[in-house]
PDB file of N, CA and C in Angstrom:
ATOM      1  N   UNK A   1       4.856  -4.140  20.526  1.00  0.00           N
ATOM      2  CA  UNK A   1       5.403  -4.600  18.754  1.00  0.00           C
ATOM      3  C   UNK A   1       6.585  -3.107  17.818  1.00  0.00           C
ATOM      4  N   UNK A   2       7.255  -4.120  17.244  1.00  0.00           N
ATOM      5  CA  UNK A   2       7.977  -2.686  16.777  1.00  0.00           C
ATOM      6  C   UNK A   2       7.219  -2.393  15.468  1.00  0.00           C
ATOM      7  N   UNK A   3       8.196  -1.310  14.831  1.00  0.00           N
ATOM      8  CA  UNK A   3       7.545  -0.772  13.748  1.00  0.00           C
ATOM      9  C   UNK A   3       8.005  -2.067  12.589  1.00  0.00           C
ATOM     10  N   UNK A   4       9.204  -2.612  12.718  1.00  0.00           N
ATOM     11  CA  UNK A   4       9.718  -3.460  11.504  1.00  0.00           C
ATOM     12  C   UNK A   4       8.934  -4.550  11.712  1.00  0.00           C
ATOM     13  N   UNK A   5       7.760  -5.196  12.785  1.00  0.00           N
ATOM     14  CA  UNK A   5       6.989  -6.163  12.887  1.00  0.00           C
ATOM     15  C   UNK A   5       5.853  -5.990  12.344  1.00  0.00           C
ATOM     16  N   UNK A   6       5.563  -4.554  12.280  1.00  0.00           N
ATOM     17  CA  UNK A   6       3.883  -4.223  12.174  1.00  0.00           C
ATOM     18  C   UNK A   6       4.254  -4.071  10.381  1.00  0.00           C
ATOM     19  N   UNK A   7       5.091  -3.700   9.878  1.00  0.00           N
ATOM     20  CA  UNK A   7       4.906  -3.519   8.645  1.00  0.00           C
ATOM     21  C   UNK A   7       4.779  -4.914   7.718  1.00  0.00           C
ATOM     22  N   UNK A   8       4.136  -4.915   6.211  1.00  0.00           N
ATOM     23  CA  UNK A   8       4.003  -5.825   5.792  1.00  0.00           C
ATOM     24  C   UNK A   8       4.746  -6.312   5.231  1.00  0.00           C
ATOM     25  N   UNK A   9       5.137  -7.486   4.886  1.00  0.00           N
ATOM     26  CA  UNK A   9       6.469  -8.226   4.119  1.00  0.00           C
ATOM     27  C   UNK A   9       5.858  -7.689   2.499  1.00  0.00           C
ATOM     28  N   UNK A  10       7.503  -7.881   2.056  1.00  0.00           N
ATOM     29  CA  UNK A  10       7.827  -7.288   0.573  1.00  0.00           C
ATOM     30  C   UNK A  10       7.752  -7.995  -0.260  1.00  0.00           C
ATOM     31  N   UNK A  11       7.369  -8.384  -1.212  1.00  0.00           N
ATOM     32  CA  UNK A  11       7.139  -9.698  -2.077  1.00  0.00           C
ATOM     33  C   UNK A  11       7.509  -8.703  -3.690  1.00  0.00           C
ATOM     34  N   UNK A  12       8.978  -9.115  -3.904  1.00  0.00           N
ATOM     35  CA  UNK A  12       9.685  -8.665  -5.138  1.00  0.00           C
ATOM     36  C   UNK A  12       9.277  -9.526  -5.997  1.00  0.00           C
ATOM     37  N   UNK A  13       8.808  -9.232  -7.228  1.00  0.00           N
ATOM     38  CA  UNK A  13       8.675 -10.086  -8.645  1.00  0.00           C
ATOM     39  C   UNK A  13       9.207 -10.734  -8.559  1.00  0.00           C
ATOM     40  N   UNK A  14       9.311 -11.710  -9.354  1.00  0.00           N
ATOM     41  CA  UNK A  14      10.410 -12.623  -9.827  1.00  0.00           C
ATOM     42  C   UNK A  14      11.483 -12.353 -10.814  1.00  0.00           C
ATOM     43  N   UNK A  15      10.607 -11.618 -11.858  1.00  0.00           N
ATOM     44  CA  UNK A  15      11.457 -10.891 -13.438  1.00  0.00           C
ATOM     45  C   UNK A  15      12.639  -9.922 -12.583  1.00  0.00           C
ATOM     46  N   UNK A  16      11.963  -8.856 -11.182  1.00  0.00           N
ATOM     47  CA  UNK A  16      12.750  -8.203 -11.041  1.00  0.00           C
ATOM     48  C   UNK A  16      14.341  -8.730  -9.981  1.00  0.00           C
ATOM     49  N   UNK A  17      14.038 -10.235  -9.080  1.00  0.00           N
ATOM     50  CA  UNK A  17      14.883 -10.614  -8.774  1.00  0.00           C
ATOM     51  C   UNK A  17      16.594 -10.878  -9.239  1.00  0.00           C
ATOM     52  N   UNK A  18      16.509 -11.048 -10.860  1.00  0.00           N
ATOM     53  CA  UNK A  18      17.676 -11.832 -11.441  1.00  0.00           C
ATOM     54  C   UNK A  18      18.406 -10.028 -11.394  1.00  0.00           C
ATOM     55  N   UNK A  19      17.596  -8.944 -11.684  1.00  0.00           N
ATOM     56  CA  UNK A  19      18.244  -7.478 -11.273  1.00  0.00           C
ATOM     57  C   UNK A  19      19.024  -7.122 -10.655  1.00  0.00           C
ATOM     58  N   UNK A  20      18.939  -7.635  -8.812  1.00  0.00           N
ATOM     59  CA  UNK A  20      19.176  -7.122  -8.010  1.00  0.00           C
ATOM     60  C   UNK A  20      20.261  -7.928  -7.500  1.00  0.00           C
ATOM     61  N   UNK A  21      21.719  -6.777  -7.808  1.00  0.00           N
ATOM     62  CA  UNK A  21      22.944  -7.288  -7.617  1.00  0.00           C
ATOM     63  C   UNK A  21      22.963  -8.560  -6.268  1.00  0.00           C
ATOM     64  N   UNK A  22      23.873  -9.228  -6.062  1.00  0.00           N
ATOM     65  CA  UNK A  22      23.926  -9.828  -4.698  1.00  0.00           C
ATOM     66  C   UNK A  22      25.226 -10.022  -4.460  1.00  0.00           C
ATOM     67  N   UNK A  23      26.163  -9.793  -3.447  1.00  0.00           N
ATOM     68  CA  UNK A  23      27.365 -10.323  -3.151  1.00  0.00           C
ATOM     69  C   UNK A  23      28.011 -11.852  -3.986  1.00  0.00           C
ATOM     70  N   UNK A  24      28.932 -11.859  -3.822  1.00  0.00           N
ATOM     71  CA  UNK A  24      29.188 -13.131  -4.124  1.00  0.00           C
ATOM     72  C   UNK A  24      29.296 -14.405  -3.453  1.00  0.00           C
ATOM     73  N   UNK A  25      28.781 -15.526  -3.742  1.00  0.00           N
ATOM     74  CA  UNK A  25      28.534 -16.596  -2.514  1.00  0.00           C
ATOM     75  C   UNK A  25      29.600 -17.033  -1.788  1.00  0.00           C
ATOM     76  N   UNK A  26      30.675 -16.738  -2.236  1.00  0.00           N
ATOM     77  CA  UNK A  26      32.355 -17.543  -1.642  1.00  0.00           C
ATOM     78  C   UNK A  26      32.104 -16.458  -0.121  1.00  0.00           C
ATOM     79  N   UNK A  27      31.913 -15.460  -0.738  1.00  0.00           N
ATOM     80  CA  UNK A  27      32.451 -14.407   0.266  1.00  0.00           C
ATOM     81  C   UNK A  27      31.363 -14.651   1.565  1.00  0.00           C
ATOM     82  N   UNK A  28      30.289 -15.006   1.227  1.00  0.00           N
ATOM     83  CA  UNK A  28      29.221 -15.155   2.803  1.00  0.00           C
ATOM     84  C   UNK A  28      29.402 -15.586   3.597  1.00  0.00           C
ATOM     85  N   UNK A  29      29.377 -15.683   4.782  1.00  0.00           N
ATOM     86  CA  UNK A  29      29.103 -16.559   5.683  1.00  0.00           C
ATOM     87  C   UNK A  29      27.803 -17.880   5.454  1.00  0.00           C
ATOM     88  N   UNK A  30      28.199 -18.481   6.396  1.00  0.00           N
ATOM     89  CA  UNK A  30      26.834 -19.338   6.022  1.00  0.00           C
ATOM     90  C   UNK A  30      25.608 -19.274   6.776  1.00  0.00           C
ATOM     91  N   UNK A  31      25.295 -17.886   7.594  1.00  0.00           N
ATOM     92  CA  UNK A  31      24.252 -17.734   7.768  1.00  0.00           C
ATOM     93  C   UNK A  31      23.534 -16.893   6.788  1.00  0.00           C
ATOM     94  N   UNK A  32      24.697 -16.192   6.351  1.00  0.00           N
ATOM     95  CA  UNK A  32      24.014 -14.769   5.143  1.00  0.00           C
ATOM     96  C   UNK A  32      23.720 -16.110   4.350  1.00  0.00           C
ATOM     97  N   UNK A  33      24.403 -16.957   3.616  1.00  0.00           N
ATOM     98  CA  UNK A  33      23.956 -17.501   2.552  1.00  0.00           C
ATOM     99  C   UNK A  33      22.587 -18.316   2.578  1.00  0.00           C
ATOM    100  N   UNK A  34      22.040 -18.997   3.592  1.00  0.00           N
ATOM    101  CA  UNK A  34      21.043 -19.472   4.152  1.00  0.00           C
ATOM    102  C   UNK A  34      20.244 -18.752   4.441  1.00  0.00           C
ATOM    103  N   UNK A  35      20.514 -17.115   4.548  1.00  0.00           N
ATOM    104  CA  UNK A  35      19.350 -16.735   5.089  1.00  0.00           C
ATOM    105  C   UNK A  35      19.285 -16.314   6.259  1.00  0.00           C
ATOM    106  N   UNK A  36      19.595 -16.565   6.872  1.00  0.00           N
ATOM    107  CA  UNK A  36      19.187 -16.131   8.149  1.00  0.00           C
ATOM    108  C   UNK A  36      19.763 -15.291   9.482  1.00  0.00           C
ATOM    109  N   UNK A  37      20.660 -14.453   7.930  1.00  0.00           N
ATOM    110  CA  UNK A  37      21.370 -13.364   8.261  1.00  0.00           C
ATOM    111  C   UNK A  37      21.195 -12.384   6.873  1.00  0.00           C
ATOM    112  N   UNK A  38      20.542 -11.053   6.946  1.00  0.00           N
ATOM    113  CA  UNK A  38      20.469 -10.355   5.541  1.00  0.00           C
ATOM    114  C   UNK A  38      22.085 -10.649   4.891  1.00  0.00           C
ATOM    115  N   UNK A  39      22.145 -10.710   3.583  1.00  0.00           N
ATOM    116  CA  UNK A  39      23.396 -10.690   3.206  1.00  0.00           C
ATOM    117  C   UNK A  39      24.207 -10.091   2.551  1.00  0.00           C
ATOM    118  N   UNK A  40      23.753  -8.480   2.531  1.00  0.00           N
ATOM    119  CA  UNK A  40      24.894  -7.724   2.544  1.00  0.00           C
ATOM    120  C   UNK A  40      24.772  -7.354   4.238  1.00  0.00           C
ATOM    121  N   UNK A  41      24.435  -6.952   4.844  1.00  0.00           N
ATOM    122  CA  UNK A  41      24.640  -6.243   6.653  1.00  0.00           C
ATOM    123  C   UNK A  41      25.190  -6.887   7.470  1.00  0.00           C
ATOM    124  N   UNK A  42      24.735  -8.174   7.393  1.00  0.00           N
ATOM    125  CA  UNK A  42      24.954  -9.343   8.761  1.00  0.00           C
ATOM    126  C   UNK A  42      23.601  -9.696   9.687  1.00  0.00           C
ATOM    127  N   UNK A  43      22.495  -8.297   9.792  1.00  0.00           N
ATOM    128  CA  UNK A  43      21.752  -8.120  10.656  1.00  0.00           C
ATOM    129  C   UNK A  43      20.540  -9.663  10.474  1.00  0.00           C
ATOM    130  N   UNK A  44      20.543  -9.794  11.735  1.00  0.00           N
ATOM    131  CA  UNK A  44      19.947 -11.185  11.802  1.00  0.00           C
ATOM    132  C   UNK A  44      18.361 -11.179  11.856  1.00  0.00           C
ATOM    133  N   UNK A  45      17.866 -11.988  10.562  1.00  0.00           N
ATOM    134  CA  UNK A  45      16.857 -11.860  10.210  1.00  0.00           C
ATOM    135  C   UNK A  45      15.721 -12.478  10.905  1.00  0.00           C
ATOM    136  N   UNK A  46      14.315 -12.463  10.893  1.00  0.00           N
ATOM    137  CA  UNK A  46      13.124 -13.303  10.990  1.00  0.00           C
ATOM    138  C   UNK A  46      12.176 -13.334  10.077  1.00  0.00           C
ATOM    139  N   UNK A  47      11.267 -14.291  10.149  1.00  0.00           N
ATOM    140  CA  UNK A  47      10.340 -14.463   9.327  1.00  0.00           C
ATOM    141  C   UNK A  47       9.647 -13.270   9.197  1.00  0.00           C
ATOM    142  N   UNK A  48       9.478 -11.952  10.427  1.00  0.00           N
ATOM    143  CA  UNK A  48       8.895 -10.762  10.597  1.00  0.00           C
ATOM    144  C   UNK A  48       9.446  -9.823   9.776  1.00  0.00           C
ATOM    145  N   UNK A  49      10.851 -10.075   9.545  1.00  0.00           N
ATOM    146  CA  UNK A  49      11.301  -8.719   8.734  1.00  0.00           C
ATOM    147  C   UNK A  49      12.630  -8.696   7.636  1.00  0.00           C
ATOM    148  N   UNK A  50      12.574 -10.019   7.409  1.00  0.00           N
ATOM    149  CA  UNK A  50      13.011 -10.522   5.678  1.00  0.00           C
ATOM    150  C   UNK A  50      12.596 -10.566   4.800  1.00  0.00           C
ATOM    151  N   UNK A  51      13.253  -9.800   4.010  1.00  0.00           N
ATOM    152  CA  UNK A  51      12.912  -9.442   2.590  1.00  0.00           C
ATOM    153  C   UNK A  51      13.890 -10.763   1.785  1.00  0.00           C
ATOM    154  N   UNK A  52      12.596 -11.721   0.888  1.00  0.00           N
ATOM    155  CA  UNK A  52      13.177 -13.128   0.259  1.00  0.00           C
ATOM    156  C   UNK A  52      13.738 -12.600  -1.357  1.00  0.00           C
ATOM    157  N   UNK A  53      14.681 -12.921  -1.334  1.00  0.00           N
ATOM    158  CA  UNK A  53      15.435 -12.393  -2.387  1.00  0.00           C
ATOM    159  C   UNK A  53      15.474 -13.894  -3.569  1.00  0.00           C
ATOM    160  N   UNK A  54      14.816 -14.706  -3.564  1.00  0.00           N
ATOM    161  CA  UNK A  54      14.605 -15.768  -4.185  1.00  0.00           C
ATOM    162  C   UNK A  54      15.784 -17.001  -4.008  1.00  0.00           C
ATOM    163  N   UNK A  55      15.094 -18.052  -4.911  1.00  0.00           N
ATOM    164  CA  UNK A  55      16.465 -18.796  -4.987  1.00  0.00           C
ATOM    165  C   UNK A  55      17.310 -18.504  -5.808  1.00  0.00           C
ATOM    166  N   UNK A  56      18.588 -19.078  -5.480  1.00  0.00           N
ATOM    167  CA  UNK A  56      19.512 -18.683  -6.226  1.00  0.00           C
ATOM    168  C   UNK A  56      20.632 -19.919  -6.430  1.00  0.00           C
ATOM    169  N   UNK A  57      21.074 -20.392  -8.047  1.00  0.00           N
ATOM    170  CA  UNK A  57      21.461 -21.386  -8.031  1.00  0.00           C
ATOM    171  C   UNK A  57      22.907 -20.859  -8.417  1.00  0.00           C
ATOM    172  N   UNK A  58      23.336 -22.047  -7.454  1.00  0.00           N
ATOM    173  CA  UNK A  58      25.008 -21.998  -7.655  1.00  0.00           C
ATOM    174  C   UNK A  58      25.917 -22.569  -8.674  1.00  0.00           C
ATOM    175  N   UNK A  59      27.286 -22.105  -9.146  1.00  0.00           N
ATOM    176  CA  UNK A  59      27.825 -22.741 -10.208  1.00  0.00           C
ATOM    177  C   UNK A  59      27.854 -24.184 -10.188  1.00  0.00           C
ATOM    178  N   UNK A  60      27.962 -24.829  -9.176  1.00  0.00           N
ATOM    179  CA  UNK A  60      28.349 -26.515  -8.828  1.00  0.00           C
ATOM    180  C   UNK A  60      26.567 -26.815  -9.181  1.00  0.00           C
ATOM    181  N   UNK A  61      25.813 -26.567  -9.114  1.00  0.00           N
ATOM    182  CA  UNK A  61      24.220 -26.777  -9.527  1.00  0.00           C
ATOM    183  C   UNK A  61      23.383 -26.492  -7.595  1.00  0.00           C
ATOM    184  N   UNK A  62      24.035 -26.359  -6.991  1.00  0.00           N
ATOM    185  CA  UNK A  62      23.312 -26.237  -5.415  1.00  0.00           C
ATOM    186  C   UNK A  62      22.514 -25.355  -5.806  1.00  0.00           C
ATOM    187  N   UNK A  63      21.793 -24.878  -4.704  1.00  0.00           N
ATOM    188  CA  UNK A  63      20.989 -23.398  -4.454  1.00  0.00           C
ATOM    189  C   UNK A  63      20.990 -22.974  -2.461  1.00  0.00           C
ATOM    190  N   UNK A  64      21.140 -21.734  -3.120  1.00  0.00           N
ATOM    191  CA  UNK A  64      21.032 -20.608  -2.013  1.00  0.00           C
ATOM    192  C   UNK A  64      19.888 -19.921  -1.737  1.00  0.00           C
ATOM    193  N   UNK A  65      19.547 -19.833  -0.791  1.00  0.00           N
ATOM    194  CA  UNK A  65      18.341 -18.820  -0.694  1.00  0.00           C
ATOM    195  C   UNK A  65      18.759 -17.192   0.565  1.00  0.00           C
ATOM    196  N   UNK A  66      19.294 -16.038  -0.293  1.00  0.00           N
ATOM    197  CA  UNK A  66      19.677 -15.161   0.127  1.00  0.00           C
ATOM    198  C   UNK A  66      18.317 -14.355   0.710  1.00  0.00           C
ATOM    199  N   UNK A  67      18.159 -13.282   1.964  1.00  0.00           N
ATOM    200  CA  UNK A  67      16.914 -12.661   2.429  1.00  0.00           C
ATOM    201  C   UNK A  67      18.011 -11.159   2.628  1.00  0.00           C
ATOM    202  N   UNK A  68      17.288 -10.299   2.814  1.00  0.00           N
ATOM    203  CA  UNK A  68      17.941  -9.101   3.215  1.00  0.00           C
ATOM    204  C   UNK A  68      16.925  -8.385   4.464  1.00  0.00           C
ATOM    205  N   UNK A  69      17.788  -7.484   4.916  1.00  0.00           N
ATOM    206  CA  UNK A  69      16.663  -6.523   5.634  1.00  0.00           C
ATOM    207  C   UNK A  69      15.917  -5.585   4.904  1.00  0.00           C
ATOM    208  N   UNK A  70      15.036  -4.966   4.814  1.00  0.00           N
ATOM    209  CA  UNK A  70      14.606  -3.910   4.369  1.00  0.00           C
ATOM    210  C   UNK A  70      15.569  -2.595   4.046  1.00  0.00           C
ATOM    211  N   UNK A  71      16.090  -1.866   4.659  1.00  0.00           N
ATOM    212  CA  UNK A  71      17.088  -1.072   4.441  1.00  0.00           C
ATOM    213  C   UNK A  71      18.245  -1.441   3.229  1.00  0.00           C
ATOM    214  N   UNK A  72      18.766  -2.606   3.670  1.00  0.00           N
ATOM    215  CA  UNK A  72      19.969  -3.153   2.457  1.00  0.00           C
ATOM    216  C   UNK A  72      19.334  -3.315   1.517  1.00  0.00           C
ATOM    217  N   UNK A  73      18.338  -3.992   1.744  1.00  0.00           N
ATOM    218  CA  UNK A  73      16.903  -4.496  -0.014  1.00  0.00           C
ATOM    219  C   UNK A  73      16.447  -3.276  -0.542  1.00  0.00           C
ATOM    220  N   UNK A  74      16.481  -2.222  -0.122  1.00  0.00           N
ATOM    221  CA  UNK A  74      16.225  -0.888  -0.589  1.00  0.00           C
ATOM    222  C   UNK A  74      17.444  -0.471  -1.490  1.00  0.00           C
ATOM    223  N   UNK A  75      18.650  -0.199  -0.254  1.00  0.00           N
ATOM    224  CA  UNK A  75      19.690   0.088  -1.281  1.00  0.00           C
ATOM    225  C   UNK A  75      20.257  -0.669  -2.432  1.00  0.00           C
ATOM    226  N   UNK A  76      19.755  -2.070  -2.366  1.00  0.00           N
ATOM    227  CA  UNK A  76      20.153  -2.747  -3.848  1.00  0.00           C
ATOM    228  C   UNK A  76      19.180  -3.030  -4.791  1.00  0.00           C
ATOM    229  N   UNK A  77      17.975  -2.205  -4.497  1.00  0.00           N
ATOM    230  CA  UNK A  77      16.947  -2.112  -5.548  1.00  0.00           C
ATOM    231  C   UNK A  77      16.989  -0.658  -6.312  1.00  0.00           C
ATOM    232  N   UNK A  78      17.635  -0.139  -5.088  1.00  0.00           N
ATOM    233  CA  UNK A  78      18.134   1.487  -5.858  1.00  0.00           C
ATOM    234  C   UNK A  78      19.140   1.279  -7.064  1.00  0.00           C
ATOM    235  N   UNK A  79      20.395   0.359  -6.728  1.00  0.00           N
ATOM    236  CA  UNK A  79      21.285   0.235  -7.537  1.00  0.00           C
ATOM    237  C   UNK A  79      20.989  -0.466  -8.825  1.00  0.00           C
ATOM    238  N   UNK A  80      20.031  -1.353  -8.767  1.00  0.00           N
ATOM    239  CA  UNK A  80      19.456  -1.900  -9.721  1.00  0.00           C
ATOM    240  C   UNK A  80      18.408  -0.757 -10.961  1.00  0.00           C
ATOM    241  N   UNK A  81      17.680  -0.361 -10.391  1.00  0.00           N
ATOM    242  CA  UNK A  81      16.667   0.955 -10.809  1.00  0.00           C
ATOM    243  C   UNK A  81      17.939   1.961 -11.468  1.00  0.00           C
ATOM    244  N   UNK A  82      18.986   2.435 -10.869  1.00  0.00           N
ATOM    245  CA  UNK A  82      19.984   3.523 -11.842  1.00  0.00           C
ATOM    246  C   UNK A  82      20.834   2.497 -12.104  1.00  0.00           C
ATOM    247  N   UNK A  83      21.250   1.450 -12.337  1.00  0.00           N
ATOM    248  CA  UNK A  83      22.010   0.444 -13.832  1.00  0.00           C
ATOM    249  C   UNK A  83      21.265  -0.022 -14.577  1.00  0.00           C
ATOM    250  N   UNK A  84      19.593  -0.118 -14.539  1.00  0.00           N
ATOM    251  CA  UNK A  84      18.815  -0.550 -15.337  1.00  0.00           C
ATOM    252  C   UNK A  84      18.523   0.095 -17.148  1.00  0.00           C
ATOM    253  N   UNK A  85      18.849   1.689 -16.861  1.00  0.00           N
ATOM    254  CA  UNK A  85      18.801   2.543 -18.297  1.00  0.00           C
ATOM    255  C   UNK A  85      19.993   2.095 -18.945  1.00  0.00           C
ATOM    256  N   UNK A  86      20.906   2.200 -18.644  1.00  0.00           N
ATOM    257  CA  UNK A  86      22.090   1.841 -19.095  1.00  0.00           C
ATOM    258  C   UNK A  86      22.474   0.506 -19.716  1.00  0.00           C
ATOM    259  N   UNK A  87      21.186  -0.523 -19.315  1.00  0.00           N
ATOM    260  CA  UNK A  87      21.400  -2.150 -20.278  1.00  0.00           C
ATOM    261  C   UNK A  87      20.194  -2.357 -21.093  1.00  0.00           C
ATOM    262  N   UNK A  88      19.010  -1.547 -20.600  1.00  0.00           N
ATOM    263  CA  UNK A  88      18.263  -1.421 -21.425  1.00  0.00           C
ATOM    264  C   UNK A  88      18.075  -0.764 -23.051  1.00  0.00           C
ATOM    265  N   UNK A  89      17.609  -1.298 -23.792  1.00  0.00           N
ATOM    266  CA  UNK A  89      16.978  -0.910 -25.338  1.00  0.00           C
ATOM    267  C   UNK A  89      15.915  -0.342 -25.164  1.00  0.00           C
ATOM    268  N   UNK A  90      14.859  -0.280 -24.832  1.00  0.00           N
ATOM    269  CA  UNK A  90      13.729   0.480 -24.386  1.00  0.00           C
ATOM    270  C   UNK A  90      14.020   1.490 -23.657  1.00  0.00           C
ATOM    271  N   UNK A  91      14.543   2.017 -22.554  1.00  0.00           N
ATOM    272  CA  UNK A  91      15.086   2.597 -21.692  1.00  0.00           C
ATOM    273  C   UNK A  91      16.129   3.777 -22.731  1.00  0.00           C
ATOM    274  N   UNK A  92      16.883   2.838 -23.741  1.00  0.00           N
ATOM    275  CA  UNK A  92      17.179   3.963 -24.249  1.00  0.00           C
ATOM    276  C   UNK A  92      16.847   5.032 -25.289  1.00  0.00           C
ATOM    277  N   UNK A  93      15.383   4.279 -25.931  1.00  0.00           N
ATOM    278  CA  UNK A  93      14.519   4.864 -26.538  1.00  0.00           C
ATOM    279  C   UNK A  93      13.797   5.625 -25.943  1.00  0.00           C
ATOM    280  N   UNK A  94      12.647   5.301 -24.667  1.00  0.00           N
ATOM    281  CA  UNK A  94      12.009   6.193 -23.774  1.00  0.00           C
ATOM    282  C   UNK A  94      11.778   5.351 -22.784  1.00  0.00           C
ATOM    283  N   UNK A  95      12.459   5.790 -21.827  1.00  0.00           N
ATOM    284  CA  UNK A  95      12.467   5.046 -20.292  1.00  0.00           C
ATOM    285  C   UNK A  95      10.867   5.410 -19.335  1.00  0.00           C
ATOM    286  N   UNK A  96      10.266   6.091 -19.893  1.00  0.00           N
ATOM    287  CA  UNK A  96       8.663   6.776 -19.285  1.00  0.00           C
ATOM    288  C   UNK A  96       8.582   5.352 -19.690  1.00  0.00           C
ATOM    289  N   UNK A  97       8.200   4.603 -20.615  1.00  0.00           N
ATOM    290  CA  UNK A  97       7.487   3.334 -21.075  1.00  0.00           C
ATOM    291  C   UNK A  97       8.220   2.135 -20.598  1.00  0.00           C
ATOM    292  N   UNK A  98       8.851   2.285 -20.347  1.00  0.00           N
ATOM    293  CA  UNK A  98       9.959   1.011 -19.609  1.00  0.00           C
ATOM    294  C   UNK A  98       9.333   0.277 -18.266  1.00  0.00           C
ATOM    295  N   UNK A  99       8.338  -0.802 -18.416  1.00  0.00           N
ATOM    296  CA  UNK A  99       7.896  -1.601 -17.215  1.00  0.00           C
ATOM    297  C   UNK A  99       9.203  -1.928 -16.383  1.00  0.00           C
ATOM    298  N   UNK A 100       9.848  -2.630 -16.492  1.00  0.00           N
ATOM    299  CA  UNK A 100      10.745  -2.998 -15.612  1.00  0.00           C
ATOM    300  C   UNK A 100      11.172  -1.671 -14.683  1.00  0.00           C
ATOM    301  N   UNK A 101      12.081  -0.558 -15.282  1.00  0.00           N
ATOM    302  CA  UNK A 101      12.111   0.404 -14.872  1.00  0.00           C
ATOM    303  C   UNK A 101      10.923   1.311 -13.701  1.00  0.00           C
ATOM    304  N   UNK A 102       9.831   0.797 -14.524  1.00  0.00           N
ATOM    305  CA  UNK A 102       8.531   1.484 -13.467  1.00  0.00           C
ATOM    306  C   UNK A 102       8.897   0.480 -12.253  1.00  0.00           C
ATOM    307  N   UNK A 103       8.798  -1.084 -12.602  1.00  0.00           N
ATOM    308  CA  UNK A 103       8.354  -1.708 -11.849  1.00  0.00           C
ATOM    309  C   UNK A 103       9.633  -1.510 -10.455  1.00  0.00           C
ATOM    310  N   UNK A 104      11.126  -1.366 -10.864  1.00  0.00           N
ATOM    311  CA  UNK A 104      12.117  -0.805  -9.759  1.00  0.00           C
ATOM    312  C   UNK A 104      12.013  -0.009  -8.877  1.00  0.00           C
ATOM    313  N   UNK A 105      11.407   1.567  -9.579  1.00  0.00           N
ATOM    314  CA  UNK A 105      10.875   2.320  -8.874  1.00  0.00           C
ATOM    315  C   UNK A 105       9.822   2.081  -7.994  1.00  0.00           C
ATOM    316  N   UNK A 106       8.712   1.541  -8.130  1.00  0.00           N
ATOM    317  CA  UNK A 106       8.011   1.498  -7.498  1.00  0.00           C
ATOM    318  C   UNK A 106       8.101   0.272  -6.347  1.00  0.00           C
ATOM    319  N   UNK A 107       9.277  -0.724  -6.321  1.00  0.00           N
ATOM    320  CA  UNK A 107       9.432  -1.086  -5.357  1.00  0.00           C
ATOM    321  C   UNK A 107      10.674  -0.521  -4.630  1.00  0.00           C
ATOM    322  N   UNK A 108      11.352   0.287  -5.273  1.00  0.00           N
ATOM    323  CA  UNK A 108      12.274   0.794  -4.000  1.00  0.00           C
ATOM    324  C   UNK A 108      11.168   2.001  -3.378  1.00  0.00           C
ATOM    325  N   UNK A 109      10.331   2.744  -3.929  1.00  0.00           N
ATOM    326  CA  UNK A 109       9.334   3.372  -2.983  1.00  0.00           C
ATOM    327  C   UNK A 109       8.777   2.340  -1.880  1.00  0.00           C
ATOM    328  N   UNK A 110       8.631   0.935  -2.465  1.00  0.00           N
ATOM    329  CA  UNK A 110       7.605   0.095  -1.311  1.00  0.00           C
ATOM    330  C   UNK A 110       8.327  -0.211  -0.002  1.00  0.00           C
ATOM    331  N   UNK A 111      10.205  -0.055  -0.650  1.00  0.00           N
ATOM    332  CA  UNK A 111      10.764  -0.506   0.359  1.00  0.00           C
ATOM    333  C   UNK A 111      11.197  -0.019   1.182  1.00  0.00           C
ATOM    334  N   UNK A 112      10.667   1.976   0.809  1.00  0.00           N
ATOM    335  CA  UNK A 112      11.327   2.398   2.226  1.00  0.00           C
ATOM    336  C   UNK A 112      10.363   3.167   3.338  1.00  0.00           C
ATOM    337  N   UNK A 113       8.788   2.101   3.068  1.00  0.00           N
ATOM    338  CA  UNK A 113       8.004   2.318   3.689  1.00  0.00           C
ATOM    339  C   UNK A 113       8.216   1.640   5.123  1.00  0.00           C
TER     340      UNK A 113
END
């Protein structure tokens, strides 16, 4: 059994999912849009390796289900963590007490394992 197969799956809290930037659906292959491949890197995913990025709604009312490999999910969470302080009133006042920023940091650390 490989290291990737023995790692526990990471459950991204629902309140953080909208903060994680995704590529536009229009540029994705069918396999990436339906979660068979990493939404960013295109690596094949299995139930043992996929990070669920939540159900997303299309502009036409349809739904898609992006998933990612652990390294790509971590990179996207780091982008969200780095962008968050510029968009958050709490972070502008005192980023140390911002629950969202702390949650993004913790998620990035969890994805590093």
